[in-house]
Amino acid sequence: MGFFKKYWKNIVFFVGVALLLIPQTAMPIKVYFNRIIALSPSEVDKTDRLVLNEYNWNLRTLDNKQANFSQSEGNVIVLNLWATWCPPCVAEMPSMQKLYESYADSVDFYFVTSEASKKPLEFIEKNAYSFPVYRMTQAAPEVLRSSTIPATYVISKSGVVVIDEKGAANWNSEKVHEVLDGLLTE
């Protein structure tokens, strides 16, 4: 009893480190903490906004059908670059699903991964997500390239990147709904 009482902080610390080193426990712990710290994304300052001029971007659906990002030119778009192995990506997916459910009829959603079809398909089915997932078949247009995932872009009908968010965020926030509602009325 004296040993545990004396060293309990060290024991808890080493158990915590061990849990973070084991892949089966590390992922859920990292996802949980990313959900806790996820804030609502912010709009890009109007003077710093980039404009998407090149929409030609070939993609494939998870059932291997060809798609092209250009089909959404002139529409409001939410684009999310993600991967199943990325804890911040996984952490924000429930809020993305809720956002998709609210705006699926009026906003074009693209959830784009570079992973082979099997992993993302299993992930989507396991979590009962209904948003559209695409695989990259070529590099994204320059304005939409990121070395960080998740990377999420909200693009206006005229191609202006209104939100450029890196890392996990709460996408089903009042702030995001206000931004999308405003873009839909333009």
C-alpha atoms as a PDB file:
ATOM      1  CA  MET A   1       0.000   0.000   0.000  1.00  0.00           C
ATOM      2  CA  GLY A   2       2.823   2.415   0.816  1.00  0.00           C
ATOM      3  CA  PHE A   3       4.497   1.865  -2.565  1.00  0.00           C
ATOM      4  CA  PHE A   4       1.349   2.779  -4.535  1.00  0.00           C
ATOM      5  CA  LYS A   5       0.621   5.769  -2.323  1.00  0.00           C
ATOM      6  CA  LYS A   6       4.170   7.035  -2.759  1.00  0.00           C
ATOM      7  CA  TYR A   7       4.437   6.477  -6.537  1.00  0.00           C
ATOM      8  CA  TRP A   8       0.842   6.773  -7.799  1.00  0.00           C
ATOM      9  CA  LYS A   9       1.571   9.828  -9.949  1.00  0.00           C
ATOM     10  CA  ASN A  10       4.461   8.069 -11.670  1.00  0.00           C
ATOM     11  CA  ILE A  11       2.368   4.940 -12.215  1.00  0.00           C
ATOM     12  CA  VAL A  12      -0.488   6.962 -13.751  1.00  0.00           C
ATOM     13  CA  PHE A  13       1.981   8.825 -15.967  1.00  0.00           C
ATOM     14  CA  PHE A  14       3.603   5.630 -17.286  1.00  0.00           C
ATOM     15  CA  VAL A  15       0.245   3.933 -17.843  1.00  0.00           C
ATOM     16  CA  GLY A  16      -0.875   7.023 -19.800  1.00  0.00           C
ATOM     17  CA  VAL A  17       2.270   6.971 -21.933  1.00  0.00           C
ATOM     18  CA  ALA A  18       1.832   3.233 -22.555  1.00  0.00           C
ATOM     19  CA  LEU A  19      -1.775   3.789 -23.653  1.00  0.00           C
ATOM     20  CA  LEU A  20      -0.615   6.461 -26.116  1.00  0.00           C
ATOM     21  CA  LEU A  21       2.000   4.115 -27.575  1.00  0.00           C
ATOM     22  CA  ILE A  22      -0.422   1.257 -28.246  1.00  0.00           C
ATOM     23  CA  PRO A  23      -2.199   1.957 -31.559  1.00  0.00           C
ATOM     24  CA  GLN A  24      -5.508   0.401 -30.449  1.00  0.00           C
ATOM     25  CA  THR A  25      -5.798   2.794 -27.508  1.00  0.00           C
ATOM     26  CA  ALA A  26      -3.850   5.762 -28.866  1.00  0.00           C
ATOM     27  CA  MET A  27      -6.258   6.581 -31.704  1.00  0.00           C
ATOM     28  CA  PRO A  28      -9.425   6.816 -29.537  1.00  0.00           C
ATOM     29  CA  ILE A  29      -7.582   8.888 -26.917  1.00  0.00           C
ATOM     30  CA  LYS A  30      -6.244  11.308 -29.548  1.00  0.00           C
ATOM     31  CA  VAL A  31      -9.667  11.570 -31.218  1.00  0.00           C
ATOM     32  CA  TYR A  32     -11.304  12.291 -27.862  1.00  0.00           C
ATOM     33  CA  PHE A  33      -8.858  15.095 -27.027  1.00  0.00           C
ATOM     34  CA  ASN A  34      -9.157  16.590 -30.522  1.00  0.00           C
ATOM     35  CA  ARG A  35     -12.946  16.739 -30.107  1.00  0.00           C
ATOM     36  CA  ILE A  36     -12.536  18.540 -26.799  1.00  0.00           C
ATOM     37  CA  ILE A  37     -10.267  21.224 -28.253  1.00  0.00           C
ATOM     38  CA  ALA A  38     -12.078  21.640 -31.603  1.00  0.00           C
ATOM     39  CA  LEU A  39     -13.373  25.181 -32.003  1.00  0.00           C
ATOM     40  CA  SER A  40     -15.586  26.728 -34.629  1.00  0.00           C
ATOM     41  CA  PRO A  41     -13.553  27.641 -37.716  1.00  0.00           C
ATOM     42  CA  SER A  42     -12.977  31.271 -38.592  1.00  0.00           C
ATOM     43  CA  GLU A  43     -13.467  33.083 -41.857  1.00  0.00           C
ATOM     44  CA  VAL A  44     -10.390  34.181 -43.746  1.00  0.00           C
ATOM     45  CA  ASP A  45      -9.866  37.939 -43.490  1.00  0.00           C
ATOM     46  CA  LYS A  46     -11.377  39.549 -46.609  1.00  0.00           C
ATOM     47  CA  THR A  47      -8.023  40.999 -47.689  1.00  0.00           C
ATOM     48  CA  ASP A  48      -6.333  37.561 -47.503  1.00  0.00           C
ATOM     49  CA  ARG A  49      -8.916  35.473 -49.344  1.00  0.00           C
ATOM     50  CA  LEU A  50      -7.772  33.420 -52.302  1.00  0.00           C
ATOM     51  CA  VAL A  51      -9.887  32.785 -55.372  1.00  0.00           C
ATOM     52  CA  LEU A  52     -10.249  29.373 -56.948  1.00  0.00           C
ATOM     53  CA  ASN A  53     -10.001  29.851 -60.703  1.00  0.00           C
ATOM     54  CA  GLU A  54      -9.192  26.261 -61.698  1.00  0.00           C
ATOM     55  CA  TYR A  55     -11.932  23.739 -60.907  1.00  0.00           C
ATOM     56  CA  ASN A  56     -10.711  20.936 -63.166  1.00  0.00           C
ATOM     57  CA  TRP A  57      -9.784  18.217 -60.659  1.00  0.00           C
ATOM     58  CA  ASN A  58     -10.392  14.551 -61.413  1.00  0.00           C
ATOM     59  CA  LEU A  59     -11.581  12.443 -58.500  1.00  0.00           C
ATOM     60  CA  ARG A  60     -13.020   8.959 -58.019  1.00  0.00           C
ATOM     61  CA  THR A  61     -15.903   7.877 -55.820  1.00  0.00           C
ATOM     62  CA  LEU A  62     -15.336   5.008 -53.412  1.00  0.00           C
ATOM     63  CA  ASP A  63     -17.154   2.722 -55.859  1.00  0.00           C
ATOM     64  CA  ASN A  64     -14.593   3.786 -58.497  1.00  0.00           C
ATOM     65  CA  LYS A  65     -16.767   6.101 -60.589  1.00  0.00           C
ATOM     66  CA  GLN A  66     -15.123   9.115 -62.149  1.00  0.00           C
ATOM     67  CA  ALA A  67     -16.041  12.579 -60.885  1.00  0.00           C
ATOM     68  CA  ASN A  68     -14.717  16.051 -61.510  1.00  0.00           C
ATOM     69  CA  PHE A  69     -14.692  18.947 -59.076  1.00  0.00           C
ATOM     70  CA  SER A  70     -15.655  21.268 -61.953  1.00  0.00           C
ATOM     71  CA  GLN A  71     -19.255  20.022 -61.674  1.00  0.00           C
ATOM     72  CA  SER A  72     -19.527  22.297 -58.627  1.00  0.00           C
ATOM     73  CA  GLU A  73     -18.276  25.501 -60.231  1.00  0.00           C
ATOM     74  CA  GLY A  74     -20.801  28.240 -59.377  1.00  0.00           C
ATOM     75  CA  ASN A  75     -22.020  26.450 -56.235  1.00  0.00           C
ATOM     76  CA  VAL A  76     -21.172  26.834 -52.560  1.00  0.00           C
ATOM     77  CA  ILE A  77     -18.663  24.085 -51.711  1.00  0.00           C
ATOM     78  CA  VAL A  78     -17.353  22.484 -48.533  1.00  0.00           C
ATOM     79  CA  LEU A  79     -14.141  20.558 -49.279  1.00  0.00           C
ATOM     80  CA  ASN A  80     -12.472  18.421 -46.605  1.00  0.00           C
ATOM     81  CA  LEU A  81      -9.097  16.717 -47.140  1.00  0.00           C
ATOM     82  CA  TRP A  82      -8.788  13.858 -44.653  1.00  0.00           C
ATOM     83  CA  ALA A  83      -7.572  10.320 -43.870  1.00  0.00           C
ATOM     84  CA  THR A  84      -8.797   7.483 -41.664  1.00  0.00           C
ATOM     85  CA  TRP A  85      -5.478   7.299 -39.775  1.00  0.00           C
ATOM     86  CA  CYS A  86      -5.594  11.003 -38.809  1.00  0.00           C
ATOM     87  CA  PRO A  87      -7.019  11.583 -35.278  1.00  0.00           C
ATOM     88  CA  PRO A  88      -8.031  15.240 -35.903  1.00  0.00           C
ATOM     89  CA  CYS A  89      -9.773  14.143 -39.132  1.00  0.00           C
ATOM     90  CA  VAL A  90     -11.718  11.420 -37.336  1.00  0.00           C
ATOM     91  CA  ALA A  91     -12.501  13.793 -34.458  1.00  0.00           C
ATOM     92  CA  GLU A  92     -14.289  16.334 -36.647  1.00  0.00           C
ATOM     93  CA  MET A  93     -16.305  13.834 -38.703  1.00  0.00           C
ATOM     94  CA  PRO A  94     -19.421  13.750 -36.455  1.00  0.00           C
ATOM     95  CA  SER A  95     -19.785  17.531 -36.753  1.00  0.00           C
ATOM     96  CA  MET A  96     -19.154  17.277 -40.506  1.00  0.00           C
ATOM     97  CA  GLN A  97     -21.912  14.675 -40.796  1.00  0.00           C
ATOM     98  CA  LYS A  98     -24.351  16.977 -38.974  1.00  0.00           C
ATOM     99  CA  LEU A  99     -23.374  19.892 -41.225  1.00  0.00           C
ATOM    100  CA  TYR A 100     -23.854  17.686 -44.267  1.00  0.00           C
ATOM    101  CA  GLU A 101     -27.301  16.617 -43.053  1.00  0.00           C
ATOM    102  CA  SER A 102     -28.296  20.282 -42.709  1.00  0.00           C
ATOM    103  CA  TYR A 103     -26.948  21.474 -46.086  1.00  0.00           C
ATOM    104  CA  ALA A 104     -26.795  18.430 -48.386  1.00  0.00           C
ATOM    105  CA  ASP A 105     -29.500  19.860 -50.666  1.00  0.00           C
ATOM    106  CA  SER A 106     -27.909  23.285 -51.103  1.00  0.00           C
ATOM    107  CA  VAL A 107     -24.127  22.936 -50.679  1.00  0.00           C
ATOM    108  CA  ASP A 108     -21.756  20.632 -52.594  1.00  0.00           C
ATOM    109  CA  PHE A 109     -19.681  18.529 -50.193  1.00  0.00           C
ATOM    110  CA  TYR A 110     -16.404  16.824 -51.056  1.00  0.00           C
ATOM    111  CA  PHE A 111     -14.598  14.618 -48.565  1.00  0.00           C
ATOM    112  CA  VAL A 112     -11.358  13.789 -50.363  1.00  0.00           C
ATOM    113  CA  THR A 113      -8.738  11.264 -49.297  1.00  0.00           C
ATOM    114  CA  SER A 114      -5.610   9.863 -50.905  1.00  0.00           C
ATOM    115  CA  GLU A 115      -6.121   6.454 -49.294  1.00  0.00           C
ATOM    116  CA  ALA A 116      -7.153   3.376 -51.284  1.00  0.00           C
ATOM    117  CA  SER A 117     -10.931   2.817 -51.402  1.00  0.00           C
ATOM    118  CA  LYS A 118     -11.133  -0.038 -48.900  1.00  0.00           C
ATOM    119  CA  LYS A 119     -10.119   1.823 -45.717  1.00  0.00           C
ATOM    120  CA  PRO A 120     -12.296   4.930 -46.229  1.00  0.00           C
ATOM    121  CA  LEU A 121     -15.254   2.781 -47.289  1.00  0.00           C
ATOM    122  CA  GLU A 122     -14.970   0.628 -44.153  1.00  0.00           C
ATOM    123  CA  PHE A 123     -14.649   3.775 -42.022  1.00  0.00           C
ATOM    124  CA  ILE A 124     -17.696   5.447 -43.596  1.00  0.00           C
ATOM    125  CA  GLU A 125     -19.828   2.310 -43.281  1.00  0.00           C
ATOM    126  CA  LYS A 126     -18.724   1.605 -39.690  1.00  0.00           C
ATOM    127  CA  ASN A 127     -19.693   5.128 -38.617  1.00  0.00           C
ATOM    128  CA  ALA A 128     -22.846   5.337 -40.783  1.00  0.00           C
ATOM    129  CA  TYR A 129     -21.702   8.551 -42.452  1.00  0.00           C
ATOM    130  CA  SER A 130     -23.659   9.559 -45.536  1.00  0.00           C
ATOM    131  CA  PHE A 131     -21.527  12.356 -46.974  1.00  0.00           C
ATOM    132  CA  PRO A 132     -19.824  11.816 -50.352  1.00  0.00           C
ATOM    133  CA  VAL A 133     -16.241  10.569 -50.232  1.00  0.00           C
ATOM    134  CA  TYR A 134     -13.805  10.829 -53.127  1.00  0.00           C
ATOM    135  CA  ARG A 135     -10.285   9.612 -53.788  1.00  0.00           C
ATOM    136  CA  MET A 136      -7.651  11.836 -55.325  1.00  0.00           C
ATOM    137  CA  THR A 137      -6.452  10.750 -58.735  1.00  0.00           C
ATOM    138  CA  GLN A 138      -4.326  13.861 -59.245  1.00  0.00           C
ATOM    139  CA  ALA A 139      -3.129  16.810 -57.217  1.00  0.00           C
ATOM    140  CA  ALA A 140      -5.718  19.346 -56.101  1.00  0.00           C
ATOM    141  CA  PRO A 141      -5.832  22.789 -57.716  1.00  0.00           C
ATOM    142  CA  GLU A 142      -3.045  24.970 -56.298  1.00  0.00           C
ATOM    143  CA  VAL A 143      -5.362  27.052 -54.063  1.00  0.00           C
ATOM    144  CA  LEU A 144      -6.669  23.852 -52.417  1.00  0.00           C
ATOM    145  CA  ARG A 145      -3.358  22.136 -51.688  1.00  0.00           C
ATOM    146  CA  SER A 146      -2.323  21.509 -48.126  1.00  0.00           C
ATOM    147  CA  SER A 147       0.494  19.642 -46.427  1.00  0.00           C
ATOM    148  CA  THR A 148      -1.705  19.356 -43.334  1.00  0.00           C
ATOM    149  CA  ILE A 149      -4.852  17.307 -42.773  1.00  0.00           C
ATOM    150  CA  PRO A 150      -7.563  17.802 -42.042  1.00  0.00           C
ATOM    151  CA  ALA A 151      -7.743  20.803 -44.307  1.00  0.00           C
ATOM    152  CA  THR A 152     -11.204  22.195 -44.953  1.00  0.00           C
ATOM    153  CA  TYR A 153     -12.230  24.908 -47.373  1.00  0.00           C
ATOM    154  CA  VAL A 154     -15.558  26.686 -47.704  1.00  0.00           C
ATOM    155  CA  ILE A 155     -15.804  28.183 -51.178  1.00  0.00           C
ATOM    156  CA  SER A 156     -18.337  30.753 -52.374  1.00  0.00           C
ATOM    157  CA  LYS A 157     -20.283  30.558 -55.639  1.00  0.00           C
ATOM    158  CA  SER A 158     -17.715  32.895 -57.186  1.00  0.00           C
ATOM    159  CA  GLY A 159     -14.768  30.736 -56.086  1.00  0.00           C
ATOM    160  CA  VAL A 160     -13.642  32.796 -53.090  1.00  0.00           C
ATOM    161  CA  VAL A 161     -12.146  30.682 -50.290  1.00  0.00           C
ATOM    162  CA  VAL A 162     -14.083  32.049 -47.321  1.00  0.00           C
ATOM    163  CA  ILE A 163     -12.867  29.503 -44.744  1.00  0.00           C
ATOM    164  CA  ASP A 164      -9.467  27.794 -44.887  1.00  0.00           C
ATOM    165  CA  GLU A 165      -9.175  25.687 -41.737  1.00  0.00           C
ATOM    166  CA  LYS A 166      -6.349  23.313 -40.823  1.00  0.00           C
ATOM    167  CA  GLY A 167      -6.863  20.868 -37.968  1.00  0.00           C
ATOM    168  CA  ALA A 168      -9.978  19.614 -36.228  1.00  0.00           C
ATOM    169  CA  ALA A 169     -12.886  22.025 -35.921  1.00  0.00           C
ATOM    170  CA  ASN A 170     -16.516  22.033 -34.879  1.00  0.00           C
ATOM    171  CA  TRP A 171     -18.210  22.308 -38.261  1.00  0.00           C
ATOM    172  CA  ASN A 172     -21.778  22.173 -37.020  1.00  0.00           C
ATOM    173  CA  SER A 173     -21.499  25.471 -35.183  1.00  0.00           C
ATOM    174  CA  GLU A 174     -23.821  28.456 -35.431  1.00  0.00           C
ATOM    175  CA  LYS A 175     -20.944  30.442 -36.930  1.00  0.00           C
ATOM    176  CA  VAL A 176     -20.496  27.999 -39.841  1.00  0.00           C
ATOM    177  CA  HIS A 177     -24.250  27.886 -40.442  1.00  0.00           C
ATOM    178  CA  GLU A 178     -24.281  31.701 -40.638  1.00  0.00           C
ATOM    179  CA  VAL A 179     -21.419  31.683 -43.153  1.00  0.00           C
ATOM    180  CA  LEU A 180     -23.091  29.062 -45.347  1.00  0.00           C
ATOM    181  CA  ASP A 181     -26.483  30.772 -45.157  1.00  0.00           C
ATOM    182  CA  GLY A 182     -24.850  34.038 -46.224  1.00  0.00           C
ATOM    183  CA  LEU A 183     -23.016  32.397 -49.123  1.00  0.00           C
ATOM    184  CA  LEU A 184     -26.190  30.695 -50.338  1.00  0.00           C
ATOM    185  CA  THR A 185     -27.982  34.053 -50.624  1.00  0.00           C
ATOM    186  CA  GLU A 186     -25.240  35.651 -52.762  1.00  0.00           C
END
